[in-house]
Amino acid sequence: MGSMLVASVVSFVLTKIQHLPGGLVYGLVALLVFGEAALFIGFVLPGETSVIVAGVVASRGHVNIEVLIGLVILSAIVGDSVGYEVGRRYGDRLLRLPVIRQRQAALHRALAGLAERGPLYVFLGRFTAFLRAVMPGLAGLSGMRYRRFLIANALGGIAWGTAYSLLGYYAGGALATIETYSTWVGAVLLVVIIGGYLAIHVLRRRRDLAIEATWEAEHPEDSAEGVE
């Protein structure tokens, strides 16, 4: 029953978004993707959520999928560049943000990954919610040259923006085809997709909490003072 309610809410949101002017849909997606690292919106709403929803909207003809992909990629690259500059100038303040101080283990792994693999880690970080929000700032803080960061970040933005836009687009098209034959089957499929997404999110959250607890037990001084 709860899953059906979630599916109904998502369907309601998609219906409302479809009635918004195309320019407003583009603007909302661009703002959310840009702000994920530049304004740290990613700690509240992972960017792929908005991109996938916009892809579904594109599959129903309300926005253009090519324009959407280009806009997502551009917003990701520009937003991360702003995040890089924030980290370069205000890195110490960045590390003192409560939402970051609570993720000391993940933060240390990210800094170690940057030191060991540099641009490759920037590219891979684009596909993890926490790293996507903090990686640009950490890259700026670490002293990585902007040119190296920009190349890796641009490649990651292209791959990420294209993949998640098309995921929403083709998922939306498949869902529309299924709904043509059976509304009930479409609703069940939507519930399964949403349930799977929520289950993965919960499992990742529990894993992260366990890792943080273990790290804090092994590094009590760093946990109290934060990363220096």
C-alpha atoms as a PDB file:
ATOM      1  CA  MET A   1       0.000   0.000   0.000  1.00  0.00           C
ATOM      2  CA  GLY A   2       2.826   2.408   0.904  1.00  0.00           C
ATOM      3  CA  SER A   3       4.648   1.620  -2.350  1.00  0.00           C
ATOM      4  CA  MET A   4       1.484   2.342  -4.332  1.00  0.00           C
ATOM      5  CA  LEU A   5       1.215   5.686  -2.563  1.00  0.00           C
ATOM      6  CA  VAL A   6       4.814   6.557  -3.483  1.00  0.00           C
ATOM      7  CA  ALA A   7       4.136   5.588  -7.094  1.00  0.00           C
ATOM      8  CA  SER A   8       1.030   7.779  -7.124  1.00  0.00           C
ATOM      9  CA  VAL A   9       3.024  10.736  -5.749  1.00  0.00           C
ATOM     10  CA  VAL A  10       5.726  10.309  -8.394  1.00  0.00           C
ATOM     11  CA  SER A  11       3.112  10.036 -11.132  1.00  0.00           C
ATOM     12  CA  PHE A  12       1.466  13.202  -9.791  1.00  0.00           C
ATOM     13  CA  VAL A  13       4.792  15.084  -9.827  1.00  0.00           C
ATOM     14  CA  LEU A  14       5.559  13.948 -13.372  1.00  0.00           C
ATOM     15  CA  THR A  15       2.091  15.057 -14.483  1.00  0.00           C
ATOM     16  CA  LYS A  16       2.610  18.514 -12.963  1.00  0.00           C
ATOM     17  CA  ILE A  17       6.090  18.902 -14.456  1.00  0.00           C
ATOM     18  CA  GLN A  18       4.753  18.010 -17.891  1.00  0.00           C
ATOM     19  CA  HIS A  19       2.433  21.012 -17.722  1.00  0.00           C
ATOM     20  CA  LEU A  20       5.235  23.450 -16.945  1.00  0.00           C
ATOM     21  CA  PRO A  21       6.669  25.516 -19.805  1.00  0.00           C
ATOM     22  CA  GLY A  22       9.670  23.788 -21.389  1.00  0.00           C
ATOM     23  CA  GLY A  23      11.931  26.703 -20.457  1.00  0.00           C
ATOM     24  CA  LEU A  24      11.036  26.332 -16.792  1.00  0.00           C
ATOM     25  CA  VAL A  25      11.761  22.593 -16.864  1.00  0.00           C
ATOM     26  CA  TYR A  26      15.170  23.277 -18.405  1.00  0.00           C
ATOM     27  CA  GLY A  27      15.834  26.006 -15.842  1.00  0.00           C
ATOM     28  CA  LEU A  28      14.950  23.835 -12.835  1.00  0.00           C
ATOM     29  CA  VAL A  29      17.127  20.946 -14.011  1.00  0.00           C
ATOM     30  CA  ALA A  30      20.037  23.274 -14.817  1.00  0.00           C
ATOM     31  CA  LEU A  31      19.803  24.896 -11.377  1.00  0.00           C
ATOM     32  CA  LEU A  32      19.729  21.571  -9.521  1.00  0.00           C
ATOM     33  CA  VAL A  33      22.638  20.092 -11.491  1.00  0.00           C
ATOM     34  CA  PHE A  34      24.676  23.296 -11.257  1.00  0.00           C
ATOM     35  CA  GLY A  35      23.988  23.674  -7.549  1.00  0.00           C
ATOM     36  CA  GLU A  36      24.876  20.100  -6.624  1.00  0.00           C
ATOM     37  CA  ALA A  37      28.563  20.983  -6.117  1.00  0.00           C
ATOM     38  CA  ALA A  38      28.503  24.784  -6.445  1.00  0.00           C
ATOM     39  CA  LEU A  39      25.831  25.268  -3.752  1.00  0.00           C
ATOM     40  CA  PHE A  40      26.041  21.785  -2.133  1.00  0.00           C
ATOM     41  CA  ILE A  41      22.431  21.003  -3.072  1.00  0.00           C
ATOM     42  CA  GLY A  42      23.628  17.464  -3.714  1.00  0.00           C
ATOM     43  CA  PHE A  43      23.560  16.726   0.029  1.00  0.00           C
ATOM     44  CA  VAL A  44      19.773  17.197  -0.087  1.00  0.00           C
ATOM     45  CA  LEU A  45      18.788  16.118  -3.591  1.00  0.00           C
ATOM     46  CA  PRO A  46      21.142  13.957  -5.700  1.00  0.00           C
ATOM     47  CA  GLY A  47      21.431  15.433  -9.181  1.00  0.00           C
ATOM     48  CA  GLU A  48      20.620  12.225 -11.034  1.00  0.00           C
ATOM     49  CA  THR A  49      17.081  12.304  -9.588  1.00  0.00           C
ATOM     50  CA  SER A  50      16.214  15.542 -11.374  1.00  0.00           C
ATOM     51  CA  VAL A  51      17.988  14.423 -14.560  1.00  0.00           C
ATOM     52  CA  ILE A  52      16.113  11.109 -14.702  1.00  0.00           C
ATOM     53  CA  VAL A  53      12.756  12.841 -14.109  1.00  0.00           C
ATOM     54  CA  ALA A  54      13.559  15.364 -16.838  1.00  0.00           C
ATOM     55  CA  GLY A  55      14.460  12.463 -19.131  1.00  0.00           C
ATOM     56  CA  VAL A  56      11.039  10.924 -18.498  1.00  0.00           C
ATOM     57  CA  VAL A  57       9.428  14.277 -19.304  1.00  0.00           C
ATOM     58  CA  ALA A  58      11.460  14.419 -22.542  1.00  0.00           C
ATOM     59  CA  SER A  59      10.222  10.950 -23.499  1.00  0.00           C
ATOM     60  CA  ARG A  60       6.684  12.366 -23.466  1.00  0.00           C
ATOM     61  CA  GLY A  61       7.574  15.186 -25.821  1.00  0.00           C
ATOM     62  CA  HIS A  62       7.519  18.127 -23.407  1.00  0.00           C
ATOM     63  CA  VAL A  63      11.222  18.962 -23.716  1.00  0.00           C
ATOM     64  CA  ASN A  64      13.864  18.049 -26.273  1.00  0.00           C
ATOM     65  CA  ILE A  65      16.191  15.243 -25.176  1.00  0.00           C
ATOM     66  CA  GLU A  66      19.203  16.590 -27.123  1.00  0.00           C
ATOM     67  CA  VAL A  67      18.818  20.037 -25.579  1.00  0.00           C
ATOM     68  CA  LEU A  68      18.340  18.449 -22.150  1.00  0.00           C
ATOM     69  CA  ILE A  69      21.538  16.397 -22.435  1.00  0.00           C
ATOM     70  CA  GLY A  70      23.551  19.416 -23.546  1.00  0.00           C
ATOM     71  CA  LEU A  71      22.138  21.551 -20.743  1.00  0.00           C
ATOM     72  CA  VAL A  72      22.818  18.902 -18.087  1.00  0.00           C
ATOM     73  CA  ILE A  73      26.422  18.453 -19.247  1.00  0.00           C
ATOM     74  CA  LEU A  74      27.067  22.208 -19.354  1.00  0.00           C
ATOM     75  CA  SER A  75      25.473  22.770 -15.922  1.00  0.00           C
ATOM     76  CA  ALA A  76      27.514  19.928 -14.411  1.00  0.00           C
ATOM     77  CA  ILE A  77      30.816  21.260 -15.770  1.00  0.00           C
ATOM     78  CA  VAL A  78      30.152  24.889 -14.815  1.00  0.00           C
ATOM     79  CA  GLY A  79      28.776  23.987 -11.372  1.00  0.00           C
ATOM     80  CA  ASP A  80      31.758  21.784 -10.588  1.00  0.00           C
ATOM     81  CA  SER A  81      34.139  24.518 -11.742  1.00  0.00           C
ATOM     82  CA  VAL A  82      32.509  26.871  -9.240  1.00  0.00           C
ATOM     83  CA  GLY A  83      32.839  24.170  -6.580  1.00  0.00           C
ATOM     84  CA  TYR A  84      36.531  23.799  -7.446  1.00  0.00           C
ATOM     85  CA  GLU A  85      37.068  27.531  -6.977  1.00  0.00           C
ATOM     86  CA  VAL A  86      35.194  27.483  -3.659  1.00  0.00           C
ATOM     87  CA  GLY A  87      37.465  24.673  -2.452  1.00  0.00           C
ATOM     88  CA  ARG A  88      40.582  26.461  -3.653  1.00  0.00           C
ATOM     89  CA  ARG A  89      39.709  29.682  -1.838  1.00  0.00           C
ATOM     90  CA  TYR A  90      37.745  28.488   1.180  1.00  0.00           C
ATOM     91  CA  GLY A  91      38.886  24.878   1.629  1.00  0.00           C
ATOM     92  CA  ASP A  92      39.321  25.069   5.402  1.00  0.00           C
ATOM     93  CA  ARG A  93      35.818  26.459   5.877  1.00  0.00           C
ATOM     94  CA  LEU A  94      34.473  23.791   3.552  1.00  0.00           C
ATOM     95  CA  LEU A  95      35.880  21.036   5.750  1.00  0.00           C
ATOM     96  CA  ARG A  96      34.184  22.548   8.792  1.00  0.00           C
ATOM     97  CA  LEU A  97      30.689  22.300   7.338  1.00  0.00           C
ATOM     98  CA  PRO A  98      28.606  20.000   9.612  1.00  0.00           C
ATOM     99  CA  VAL A  99      27.384  17.827   6.744  1.00  0.00           C
ATOM    100  CA  ILE A 100      31.012  17.145   5.751  1.00  0.00           C
ATOM    101  CA  ARG A 101      32.380  16.742   9.298  1.00  0.00           C
ATOM    102  CA  GLN A 102      29.848  13.944   9.792  1.00  0.00           C
ATOM    103  CA  ARG A 103      31.425  11.976   6.925  1.00  0.00           C
ATOM    104  CA  GLN A 104      35.054  11.871   8.061  1.00  0.00           C
ATOM    105  CA  ALA A 105      35.770   8.369   6.763  1.00  0.00           C
ATOM    106  CA  ALA A 106      34.374   9.162   3.312  1.00  0.00           C
ATOM    107  CA  LEU A 107      36.242  12.469   3.329  1.00  0.00           C
ATOM    108  CA  HIS A 108      39.590  10.836   4.123  1.00  0.00           C
ATOM    109  CA  ARG A 109      39.013   8.237   1.395  1.00  0.00           C
ATOM    110  CA  ALA A 110      38.221  11.001  -1.082  1.00  0.00           C
ATOM    111  CA  LEU A 111      41.369  12.957  -0.234  1.00  0.00           C
ATOM    112  CA  ALA A 112      43.469   9.791  -0.427  1.00  0.00           C
ATOM    113  CA  GLY A 113      41.893   8.916  -3.769  1.00  0.00           C
ATOM    114  CA  LEU A 114      42.695  12.363  -5.140  1.00  0.00           C
ATOM    115  CA  ALA A 115      46.293  12.065  -4.002  1.00  0.00           C
ATOM    116  CA  GLU A 116      46.727   8.607  -5.544  1.00  0.00           C
ATOM    117  CA  ARG A 117      44.646   8.734  -8.706  1.00  0.00           C
ATOM    118  CA  GLY A 118      43.954  12.444  -9.295  1.00  0.00           C
ATOM    119  CA  PRO A 119      41.915  13.013 -12.484  1.00  0.00           C
ATOM    120  CA  LEU A 120      40.660   9.410 -12.599  1.00  0.00           C
ATOM    121  CA  TYR A 121      39.148   9.831  -9.145  1.00  0.00           C
ATOM    122  CA  VAL A 122      37.511  13.094 -10.233  1.00  0.00           C
ATOM    123  CA  PHE A 123      35.940  11.245 -13.169  1.00  0.00           C
ATOM    124  CA  LEU A 124      34.718   8.323 -11.059  1.00  0.00           C
ATOM    125  CA  GLY A 125      33.484  10.632  -8.308  1.00  0.00           C
ATOM    126  CA  ARG A 126      30.872  12.020 -10.700  1.00  0.00           C
ATOM    127  CA  PHE A 127      28.941   8.751 -10.322  1.00  0.00           C
ATOM    128  CA  THR A 128      28.711   8.764  -6.492  1.00  0.00           C
ATOM    129  CA  ALA A 129      26.291  11.150  -4.774  1.00  0.00           C
ATOM    130  CA  PHE A 130      28.542  12.242  -1.874  1.00  0.00           C
ATOM    131  CA  LEU A 131      31.682  12.525  -3.997  1.00  0.00           C
ATOM    132  CA  ARG A 132      29.803  14.390  -6.718  1.00  0.00           C
ATOM    133  CA  ALA A 133      28.897  17.075  -4.192  1.00  0.00           C
ATOM    134  CA  VAL A 134      32.324  17.428  -2.540  1.00  0.00           C
ATOM    135  CA  MET A 135      34.873  16.284  -5.141  1.00  0.00           C
ATOM    136  CA  PRO A 136      35.207  19.633  -6.959  1.00  0.00           C
ATOM    137  CA  GLY A 137      35.825  21.470  -3.682  1.00  0.00           C
ATOM    138  CA  LEU A 138      38.295  18.854  -2.495  1.00  0.00           C
ATOM    139  CA  ALA A 139      40.126  19.003  -5.832  1.00  0.00           C
ATOM    140  CA  GLY A 140      40.513  22.759  -5.422  1.00  0.00           C
ATOM    141  CA  LEU A 141      41.608  22.320  -1.813  1.00  0.00           C
ATOM    142  CA  SER A 142      44.170  19.658  -2.742  1.00  0.00           C
ATOM    143  CA  GLY A 143      45.945  21.974  -5.164  1.00  0.00           C
ATOM    144  CA  MET A 144      45.132  19.956  -8.300  1.00  0.00           C
ATOM    145  CA  ARG A 145      45.754  22.065 -11.387  1.00  0.00           C
ATOM    146  CA  TYR A 146      42.498  23.378 -12.817  1.00  0.00           C
ATOM    147  CA  ARG A 147      43.270  22.156 -16.336  1.00  0.00           C
ATOM    148  CA  ARG A 148      43.658  18.564 -15.154  1.00  0.00           C
ATOM    149  CA  PHE A 149      40.516  18.878 -13.067  1.00  0.00           C
ATOM    150  CA  LEU A 150      38.519  20.419 -15.937  1.00  0.00           C
ATOM    151  CA  ILE A 151      39.395  17.655 -18.416  1.00  0.00           C
ATOM    152  CA  ALA A 152      38.496  14.854 -15.994  1.00  0.00           C
ATOM    153  CA  ASN A 153      35.413  16.692 -14.791  1.00  0.00           C
ATOM    154  CA  ALA A 154      34.207  17.413 -18.330  1.00  0.00           C
ATOM    155  CA  LEU A 155      34.596  13.764 -19.356  1.00  0.00           C
ATOM    156  CA  GLY A 156      32.703  12.678 -16.242  1.00  0.00           C
ATOM    157  CA  GLY A 157      29.986  15.267 -16.841  1.00  0.00           C
ATOM    158  CA  ILE A 158      29.522  14.130 -20.447  1.00  0.00           C
ATOM    159  CA  ALA A 159      29.262  10.456 -19.484  1.00  0.00           C
ATOM    160  CA  TRP A 160      27.035  11.103 -16.454  1.00  0.00           C
ATOM    161  CA  GLY A 161      24.736  13.652 -18.095  1.00  0.00           C
ATOM    162  CA  THR A 162      24.212  11.543 -21.201  1.00  0.00           C
ATOM    163  CA  ALA A 163      23.675   8.271 -19.304  1.00  0.00           C
ATOM    164  CA  TYR A 164      21.122   9.532 -16.784  1.00  0.00           C
ATOM    165  CA  SER A 165      19.214  11.672 -19.289  1.00  0.00           C
ATOM    166  CA  LEU A 166      18.862   8.700 -21.633  1.00  0.00           C
ATOM    167  CA  LEU A 167      18.015   6.400 -18.724  1.00  0.00           C
ATOM    168  CA  GLY A 168      15.024   8.581 -17.876  1.00  0.00           C
ATOM    169  CA  TYR A 169      14.156   9.011 -21.547  1.00  0.00           C
ATOM    170  CA  TYR A 170      14.079   5.321 -22.434  1.00  0.00           C
ATOM    171  CA  ALA A 171      12.540   4.297 -19.105  1.00  0.00           C
ATOM    172  CA  GLY A 172       9.782   6.841 -19.690  1.00  0.00           C
ATOM    173  CA  GLY A 173       9.220   5.564 -23.216  1.00  0.00           C
ATOM    174  CA  ALA A 174       9.044   1.963 -22.051  1.00  0.00           C
ATOM    175  CA  LEU A 175       6.660   2.892 -19.249  1.00  0.00           C
ATOM    176  CA  ALA A 176       4.401   4.755 -21.676  1.00  0.00           C
ATOM    177  CA  THR A 177       4.308   1.720 -23.981  1.00  0.00           C
ATOM    178  CA  ILE A 178       3.423  -0.601 -21.099  1.00  0.00           C
ATOM    179  CA  GLU A 179       0.718   1.772 -19.868  1.00  0.00           C
ATOM    180  CA  THR A 180      -0.850   1.681 -23.339  1.00  0.00           C
ATOM    181  CA  TYR A 181      -1.599  -1.989 -22.837  1.00  0.00           C
ATOM    182  CA  SER A 182      -2.161  -2.097 -19.105  1.00  0.00           C
ATOM    183  CA  THR A 183      -2.281   0.742 -16.580  1.00  0.00           C
ATOM    184  CA  TRP A 184      -2.014  -1.816 -13.781  1.00  0.00           C
ATOM    185  CA  VAL A 185       1.198  -3.311 -15.172  1.00  0.00           C
ATOM    186  CA  GLY A 186       2.656   0.181 -15.584  1.00  0.00           C
ATOM    187  CA  ALA A 187       1.842   1.016 -11.965  1.00  0.00           C
ATOM    188  CA  VAL A 188       3.453  -2.208 -10.733  1.00  0.00           C
ATOM    189  CA  LEU A 189       6.572  -1.533 -12.786  1.00  0.00           C
ATOM    190  CA  LEU A 190       6.801   1.970 -11.361  1.00  0.00           C
ATOM    191  CA  VAL A 191       6.486   0.582  -7.828  1.00  0.00           C
ATOM    192  CA  VAL A 192       9.258  -1.965  -8.496  1.00  0.00           C
ATOM    193  CA  ILE A 193      11.588   0.704  -9.912  1.00  0.00           C
ATOM    194  CA  ILE A 194      10.971   3.098  -7.023  1.00  0.00           C
ATOM    195  CA  GLY A 195      11.165   0.325  -4.418  1.00  0.00           C
ATOM    196  CA  GLY A 196      14.481  -0.874  -5.806  1.00  0.00           C
ATOM    197  CA  TYR A 197      15.896   2.658  -5.817  1.00  0.00           C
ATOM    198  CA  LEU A 198      14.819   3.247  -2.207  1.00  0.00           C
ATOM    199  CA  ALA A 199      16.201  -0.128  -1.088  1.00  0.00           C
ATOM    200  CA  ILE A 200      19.600   0.628  -2.637  1.00  0.00           C
ATOM    201  CA  HIS A 201      19.598   4.058  -1.006  1.00  0.00           C
ATOM    202  CA  VAL A 202      18.817   2.605   2.437  1.00  0.00           C
ATOM    203  CA  LEU A 203      21.478  -0.105   2.114  1.00  0.00           C
ATOM    204  CA  ARG A 204      24.105   2.433   1.056  1.00  0.00           C
ATOM    205  CA  ARG A 205      23.178   4.678   3.946  1.00  0.00           C
ATOM    206  CA  ARG A 206      23.502   1.829   6.457  1.00  0.00           C
ATOM    207  CA  ARG A 207      26.853   0.839   4.979  1.00  0.00           C
ATOM    208  CA  ASP A 208      28.121   4.421   5.184  1.00  0.00           C
ATOM    209  CA  LEU A 209      27.007   4.731   8.815  1.00  0.00           C
ATOM    210  CA  ALA A 210      28.798   1.504   9.706  1.00  0.00           C
ATOM    211  CA  ILE A 211      31.985   2.696   7.986  1.00  0.00           C
ATOM    212  CA  GLU A 212      31.800   6.057   9.765  1.00  0.00           C
ATOM    213  CA  ALA A 213      31.287   4.393  13.156  1.00  0.00           C
ATOM    214  CA  THR A 214      34.283   2.113  12.607  1.00  0.00           C
ATOM    215  CA  TRP A 215      36.479   4.990  11.451  1.00  0.00           C
ATOM    216  CA  GLU A 216      35.506   7.199  14.414  1.00  0.00           C
ATOM    217  CA  ALA A 217      36.311   4.381  16.818  1.00  0.00           C
ATOM    218  CA  GLU A 218      39.778   4.020  15.254  1.00  0.00           C
ATOM    219  CA  HIS A 219      40.457   7.795  14.957  1.00  0.00           C
ATOM    220  CA  PRO A 220      38.851   9.478  17.995  1.00  0.00           C
ATOM    221  CA  GLU A 221      41.072  12.581  17.780  1.00  0.00           C
ATOM    222  CA  ASP A 222      40.350  13.228  14.102  1.00  0.00           C
ATOM    223  CA  SER A 223      36.645  12.668  14.690  1.00  0.00           C
ATOM    224  CA  ALA A 224      36.614  15.346  17.373  1.00  0.00           C
ATOM    225  CA  GLU A 225      38.708  17.913  15.512  1.00  0.00           C
ATOM    226  CA  GLY A 226      37.818  17.245  11.888  1.00  0.00           C
ATOM    227  CA  VAL A 227      40.188  17.008   8.943  1.00  0.00           C
ATOM    228  CA  GLU A 228      43.081  19.422   9.112  1.00  0.00           C
END
